[in-house]
Amino acid sequence: MFEGKKVGLRLMQSEDVWLLYRWFNDQRVLENLGSDHGYFCVSMDEEKAVVEKMLLDRRTLNFIIVRRDGNDPVGYIGLAGIDDRGASAELRIIVGEVGEWDKGLGEEAIRLMLEHAFNARNLLRIWLRVAEYNARAIACYRKCGFKDEGRARHDHYHKAAWRDALWMSILDSEFRGG
């Protein structure tokens, strides 16, 4: 487990499927993700299949974010599409417990993941995709050092309109302050 002041990151296990099932069936959580998940609820069987596939994927690291005081699960964070040769990966994060929003837990989880990605995995670049209207997430990513990289125009349909997504990234040297 990786530990910060407020949160720890523990490896996700197949038993954690119920957490992801609950989070990905909460419209408040899905509201700003800009993903297909937002259009209909997934079944427990569908979520089990997704989690098992994630756990078997050797190019993915999956963690559950837990509060240090009580060890309660609050979200998911992971690196997907880890490319050791290209030294890059995609960051994915969701704080699924709505009552835990705006407490800095996601920011600390991202910093812990970046430390692991750059120090232990020796990656050079971490990137992500975020819906243009997800102001809370964009502010958090910028606070963690991510830079705007581009825009995917009309990336997805949200609230009766085609919406853009932003591509952001952080380099190892930027994370280290160089």
C-alpha atoms as a PDB file:
ATOM      1  CA  MET A   1       0.000   0.000   0.000  1.00  0.00           C
ATOM      2  CA  PHE A   2       1.124   3.543  -0.787  1.00  0.00           C
ATOM      3  CA  GLU A   3       0.306   5.956   2.012  1.00  0.00           C
ATOM      4  CA  GLY A   4      -0.117   9.695   2.229  1.00  0.00           C
ATOM      5  CA  LYS A   5      -1.417  11.860   5.069  1.00  0.00           C
ATOM      6  CA  LYS A   6      -5.117  11.438   4.247  1.00  0.00           C
ATOM      7  CA  VAL A   7      -5.315   8.447   1.910  1.00  0.00           C
ATOM      8  CA  GLY A   8      -3.666   5.197   1.028  1.00  0.00           C
ATOM      9  CA  LEU A   9      -3.734   3.252  -2.218  1.00  0.00           C
ATOM     10  CA  ARG A  10      -4.252  -0.498  -1.962  1.00  0.00           C
ATOM     11  CA  LEU A  11      -4.302  -2.922  -4.856  1.00  0.00           C
ATOM     12  CA  MET A  12      -7.785  -3.551  -6.193  1.00  0.00           C
ATOM     13  CA  GLN A  13      -9.138  -7.066  -5.781  1.00  0.00           C
ATOM     14  CA  SER A  14     -12.029  -8.862  -7.448  1.00  0.00           C
ATOM     15  CA  GLU A  15     -14.060  -8.433  -4.242  1.00  0.00           C
ATOM     16  CA  ASP A  16     -14.011  -4.679  -4.849  1.00  0.00           C
ATOM     17  CA  VAL A  17     -16.465  -5.073  -7.727  1.00  0.00           C
ATOM     18  CA  TRP A  18     -19.337  -3.982  -5.479  1.00  0.00           C
ATOM     19  CA  LEU A  19     -17.604  -0.632  -4.894  1.00  0.00           C
ATOM     20  CA  LEU A  20     -17.221   0.085  -8.594  1.00  0.00           C
ATOM     21  CA  TYR A  21     -20.751  -1.165  -9.239  1.00  0.00           C
ATOM     22  CA  ARG A  22     -22.133   1.287  -6.662  1.00  0.00           C
ATOM     23  CA  TRP A  23     -20.006   4.216  -7.850  1.00  0.00           C
ATOM     24  CA  PHE A  24     -20.706   3.689 -11.553  1.00  0.00           C
ATOM     25  CA  ASN A  25     -24.440   3.524 -10.890  1.00  0.00           C
ATOM     26  CA  ASP A  26     -24.531   6.853  -9.027  1.00  0.00           C
ATOM     27  CA  GLN A  27     -25.556   9.633 -11.408  1.00  0.00           C
ATOM     28  CA  ARG A  28     -23.855  12.254  -9.197  1.00  0.00           C
ATOM     29  CA  VAL A  29     -20.549  10.468  -9.744  1.00  0.00           C
ATOM     30  CA  LEU A  30     -21.108   9.962 -13.465  1.00  0.00           C
ATOM     31  CA  GLU A  31     -22.360  13.495 -14.149  1.00  0.00           C
ATOM     32  CA  ASN A  32     -19.026  14.962 -15.229  1.00  0.00           C
ATOM     33  CA  LEU A  33     -17.108  11.929 -16.490  1.00  0.00           C
ATOM     34  CA  GLY A  34     -18.055  12.319 -20.126  1.00  0.00           C
ATOM     35  CA  SER A  35     -18.184   8.565 -20.633  1.00  0.00           C
ATOM     36  CA  ASP A  36     -20.577   5.941 -21.955  1.00  0.00           C
ATOM     37  CA  HIS A  37     -21.195   4.797 -18.379  1.00  0.00           C
ATOM     38  CA  GLY A  38     -23.400   7.850 -17.906  1.00  0.00           C
ATOM     39  CA  TYR A  39     -26.138   6.713 -20.256  1.00  0.00           C
ATOM     40  CA  PHE A  40     -27.332   3.578 -18.510  1.00  0.00           C
ATOM     41  CA  CYS A  41     -26.670   1.604 -15.365  1.00  0.00           C
ATOM     42  CA  VAL A  42     -24.379  -1.375 -15.591  1.00  0.00           C
ATOM     43  CA  SER A  43     -25.355  -4.700 -14.078  1.00  0.00           C
ATOM     44  CA  MET A  44     -23.286  -6.451 -11.445  1.00  0.00           C
ATOM     45  CA  ASP A  45     -22.391  -9.125 -14.022  1.00  0.00           C
ATOM     46  CA  GLU A  46     -21.146  -6.469 -16.466  1.00  0.00           C
ATOM     47  CA  GLU A  47     -19.099  -4.792 -13.746  1.00  0.00           C
ATOM     48  CA  LYS A  48     -17.617  -8.159 -12.670  1.00  0.00           C
ATOM     49  CA  ALA A  49     -16.500  -8.814 -16.240  1.00  0.00           C
ATOM     50  CA  VAL A  50     -14.891  -5.361 -16.479  1.00  0.00           C
ATOM     51  CA  VAL A  51     -13.093  -5.753 -13.137  1.00  0.00           C
ATOM     52  CA  GLU A  52     -11.796  -9.237 -13.977  1.00  0.00           C
ATOM     53  CA  LYS A  53     -10.497  -7.959 -17.316  1.00  0.00           C
ATOM     54  CA  MET A  54      -8.803  -5.026 -15.565  1.00  0.00           C
ATOM     55  CA  LEU A  55      -7.158  -7.301 -13.009  1.00  0.00           C
ATOM     56  CA  LEU A  56      -5.802  -9.625 -15.711  1.00  0.00           C
ATOM     57  CA  ASP A  57      -4.425  -6.804 -17.871  1.00  0.00           C
ATOM     58  CA  ARG A  58      -0.653  -6.705 -17.356  1.00  0.00           C
ATOM     59  CA  ARG A  59      -0.527  -3.159 -18.728  1.00  0.00           C
ATOM     60  CA  THR A  60      -2.829  -1.783 -16.020  1.00  0.00           C
ATOM     61  CA  LEU A  61      -2.352  -0.975 -12.336  1.00  0.00           C
ATOM     62  CA  ASN A  62      -5.565  -0.701 -10.310  1.00  0.00           C
ATOM     63  CA  PHE A  63      -5.884   0.700  -6.812  1.00  0.00           C
ATOM     64  CA  ILE A  64      -8.666   1.488  -4.382  1.00  0.00           C
ATOM     65  CA  ILE A  65      -8.282   4.823  -2.611  1.00  0.00           C
ATOM     66  CA  VAL A  66      -8.892   4.391   1.126  1.00  0.00           C
ATOM     67  CA  ARG A  67      -9.043   6.931   3.934  1.00  0.00           C
ATOM     68  CA  ARG A  68      -6.111   6.548   6.319  1.00  0.00           C
ATOM     69  CA  ASP A  69      -8.420   7.110   9.297  1.00  0.00           C
ATOM     70  CA  GLY A  70     -10.647   4.048   9.173  1.00  0.00           C
ATOM     71  CA  ASN A  71      -9.488   2.448   5.916  1.00  0.00           C
ATOM     72  CA  ASP A  72     -12.836   3.221   4.244  1.00  0.00           C
ATOM     73  CA  PRO A  73     -12.812   2.999   0.418  1.00  0.00           C
ATOM     74  CA  VAL A  74     -13.508   6.350  -1.242  1.00  0.00           C
ATOM     75  CA  GLY A  75     -12.482   5.858  -4.864  1.00  0.00           C
ATOM     76  CA  TYR A  76     -10.494   4.207  -7.618  1.00  0.00           C
ATOM     77  CA  ILE A  77      -7.209   5.254  -9.232  1.00  0.00           C
ATOM     78  CA  GLY A  78      -5.125   3.472 -11.801  1.00  0.00           C
ATOM     79  CA  LEU A  79      -2.700   3.570 -14.664  1.00  0.00           C
ATOM     80  CA  ALA A  80      -3.979   2.102 -17.921  1.00  0.00           C
ATOM     81  CA  GLY A  81      -2.216   1.245 -21.146  1.00  0.00           C
ATOM     82  CA  ILE A  82       1.182   1.257 -19.478  1.00  0.00           C
ATOM     83  CA  ASP A  83       3.726   1.464 -22.284  1.00  0.00           C
ATOM     84  CA  ASP A  84       7.130   0.578 -20.814  1.00  0.00           C
ATOM     85  CA  ARG A  85       8.889   1.160 -24.110  1.00  0.00           C
ATOM     86  CA  GLY A  86       7.255   4.565 -24.644  1.00  0.00           C
ATOM     87  CA  ALA A  87       7.428   5.263 -20.874  1.00  0.00           C
ATOM     88  CA  SER A  88       3.850   6.507 -20.663  1.00  0.00           C
ATOM     89  CA  ALA A  89       0.455   5.595 -19.209  1.00  0.00           C
ATOM     90  CA  GLU A  90      -3.050   6.983 -18.841  1.00  0.00           C
ATOM     91  CA  LEU A  91      -4.217   8.122 -15.405  1.00  0.00           C
ATOM     92  CA  ARG A  92      -7.746   7.175 -14.392  1.00  0.00           C
ATOM     93  CA  ILE A  93      -9.376   8.314 -11.165  1.00  0.00           C
ATOM     94  CA  ILE A  94     -12.793   8.551  -9.604  1.00  0.00           C
ATOM     95  CA  VAL A  95     -13.726   9.610  -6.095  1.00  0.00           C
ATOM     96  CA  GLY A  96     -16.908   7.584  -5.812  1.00  0.00           C
ATOM     97  CA  GLU A  97     -18.024   8.606  -2.337  1.00  0.00           C
ATOM     98  CA  VAL A  98     -19.806  11.909  -2.921  1.00  0.00           C
ATOM     99  CA  GLY A  99     -19.459  12.902   0.739  1.00  0.00           C
ATOM    100  CA  GLU A 100     -15.670  12.797   0.317  1.00  0.00           C
ATOM    101  CA  TRP A 101     -15.507  15.329  -2.518  1.00  0.00           C
ATOM    102  CA  ASP A 102     -13.618  18.609  -2.077  1.00  0.00           C
ATOM    103  CA  LYS A 103     -11.440  17.290   0.764  1.00  0.00           C
ATOM    104  CA  GLY A 104      -8.202  16.935  -1.212  1.00  0.00           C
ATOM    105  CA  LEU A 105      -8.363  13.126  -1.270  1.00  0.00           C
ATOM    106  CA  GLY A 106      -8.243  12.865  -5.060  1.00  0.00           C
ATOM    107  CA  GLU A 107      -5.326  15.283  -5.251  1.00  0.00           C
ATOM    108  CA  GLU A 108      -3.324  13.302  -2.712  1.00  0.00           C
ATOM    109  CA  ALA A 109      -4.167  10.017  -4.472  1.00  0.00           C
ATOM    110  CA  ILE A 110      -2.953  11.473  -7.790  1.00  0.00           C
ATOM    111  CA  ARG A 111       0.314  12.627  -6.225  1.00  0.00           C
ATOM    112  CA  LEU A 112       0.880   9.161  -4.714  1.00  0.00           C
ATOM    113  CA  MET A 113       0.197   7.551  -8.098  1.00  0.00           C
ATOM    114  CA  LEU A 114       2.542   9.970  -9.877  1.00  0.00           C
ATOM    115  CA  GLU A 115       5.293   9.223  -7.352  1.00  0.00           C
ATOM    116  CA  HIS A 116       4.900   5.529  -8.104  1.00  0.00           C
ATOM    117  CA  ALA A 117       4.688   6.060 -11.869  1.00  0.00           C
ATOM    118  CA  PHE A 118       7.792   8.229 -12.086  1.00  0.00           C
ATOM    119  CA  ASN A 119       9.931   6.751  -9.294  1.00  0.00           C
ATOM    120  CA  ALA A 120       9.108   3.031  -9.241  1.00  0.00           C
ATOM    121  CA  ARG A 121       7.889   2.478 -12.818  1.00  0.00           C
ATOM    122  CA  ASN A 122      10.358   4.906 -14.391  1.00  0.00           C
ATOM    123  CA  LEU A 123       7.700   6.373 -16.671  1.00  0.00           C
ATOM    124  CA  LEU A 124       8.252   9.687 -18.456  1.00  0.00           C
ATOM    125  CA  ARG A 125       4.722  10.904 -19.224  1.00  0.00           C
ATOM    126  CA  ILE A 126       1.304  10.436 -17.629  1.00  0.00           C
ATOM    127  CA  TRP A 127      -1.710  11.634 -19.582  1.00  0.00           C
ATOM    128  CA  LEU A 128      -5.454  11.827 -19.082  1.00  0.00           C
ATOM    129  CA  ARG A 129      -8.700  12.810 -20.767  1.00  0.00           C
ATOM    130  CA  VAL A 130     -11.240  15.006 -18.971  1.00  0.00           C
ATOM    131  CA  ALA A 131     -14.599  16.474 -19.995  1.00  0.00           C
ATOM    132  CA  GLU A 132     -14.336  20.219 -20.637  1.00  0.00           C
ATOM    133  CA  TYR A 133     -17.132  20.958 -18.139  1.00  0.00           C
ATOM    134  CA  ASN A 134     -15.550  19.029 -15.252  1.00  0.00           C
ATOM    135  CA  ALA A 135     -14.114  22.151 -13.620  1.00  0.00           C
ATOM    136  CA  ARG A 136     -13.382  20.441 -10.285  1.00  0.00           C
ATOM    137  CA  ALA A 137     -11.268  17.743 -11.926  1.00  0.00           C
ATOM    138  CA  ILE A 138      -9.466  20.167 -14.248  1.00  0.00           C
ATOM    139  CA  ALA A 139      -8.516  22.385 -11.291  1.00  0.00           C
ATOM    140  CA  CYS A 140      -7.237  19.343  -9.379  1.00  0.00           C
ATOM    141  CA  TYR A 141      -5.171  18.111 -12.322  1.00  0.00           C
ATOM    142  CA  ARG A 142      -3.622  21.543 -12.835  1.00  0.00           C
ATOM    143  CA  LYS A 143      -2.836  21.753  -9.113  1.00  0.00           C
ATOM    144  CA  CYS A 144      -1.023  18.420  -9.463  1.00  0.00           C
ATOM    145  CA  GLY A 145       1.046  19.812 -12.336  1.00  0.00           C
ATOM    146  CA  PHE A 146      -0.809  18.552 -15.412  1.00  0.00           C
ATOM    147  CA  LYS A 147      -0.628  20.778 -18.469  1.00  0.00           C
ATOM    148  CA  ASP A 148      -3.183  21.187 -21.246  1.00  0.00           C
ATOM    149  CA  GLU A 149      -2.112  19.236 -24.286  1.00  0.00           C
ATOM    150  CA  GLY A 150      -5.044  19.394 -26.653  1.00  0.00           C
ATOM    151  CA  ARG A 151      -8.759  19.257 -27.207  1.00  0.00           C
ATOM    152  CA  ALA A 152     -10.928  16.545 -28.713  1.00  0.00           C
ATOM    153  CA  ARG A 153     -13.755  18.475 -30.330  1.00  0.00           C
ATOM    154  CA  HIS A 154     -17.278  17.058 -30.072  1.00  0.00           C
ATOM    155  CA  ASP A 155     -15.865  14.117 -28.157  1.00  0.00           C
ATOM    156  CA  HIS A 156     -19.134  13.054 -26.518  1.00  0.00           C
ATOM    157  CA  TYR A 157     -22.780  13.972 -26.123  1.00  0.00           C
ATOM    158  CA  HIS A 158     -23.753  15.517 -22.772  1.00  0.00           C
ATOM    159  CA  LYS A 159     -26.932  17.339 -21.732  1.00  0.00           C
ATOM    160  CA  ALA A 160     -28.325  17.754 -25.240  1.00  0.00           C
ATOM    161  CA  ALA A 161     -25.101  18.997 -26.827  1.00  0.00           C
ATOM    162  CA  TRP A 162     -21.861  17.706 -28.278  1.00  0.00           C
ATOM    163  CA  ARG A 163     -19.072  18.508 -25.837  1.00  0.00           C
ATOM    164  CA  ASP A 164     -15.283  18.596 -25.998  1.00  0.00           C
ATOM    165  CA  ALA A 165     -12.754  16.727 -23.899  1.00  0.00           C
ATOM    166  CA  LEU A 166      -9.357  18.015 -22.880  1.00  0.00           C
ATOM    167  CA  TRP A 167      -6.146  16.033 -23.075  1.00  0.00           C
ATOM    168  CA  MET A 168      -3.707  16.818 -20.267  1.00  0.00           C
ATOM    169  CA  SER A 169      -0.319  15.394 -19.300  1.00  0.00           C
ATOM    170  CA  ILE A 170       2.540  15.712 -16.877  1.00  0.00           C
ATOM    171  CA  LEU A 171       6.166  14.797 -17.500  1.00  0.00           C
ATOM    172  CA  ASP A 172       8.561  13.288 -14.997  1.00  0.00           C
ATOM    173  CA  SER A 173      10.693  16.479 -15.051  1.00  0.00           C
ATOM    174  CA  GLU A 174       7.628  18.646 -14.338  1.00  0.00           C
ATOM    175  CA  PHE A 175       6.617  16.459 -11.430  1.00  0.00           C
ATOM    176  CA  ARG A 176      10.103  16.718  -9.975  1.00  0.00           C
ATOM    177  CA  GLY A 177      10.014  20.492 -10.393  1.00  0.00           C
ATOM    178  CA  GLY A 178      12.516  20.675 -13.229  1.00  0.00           C
END
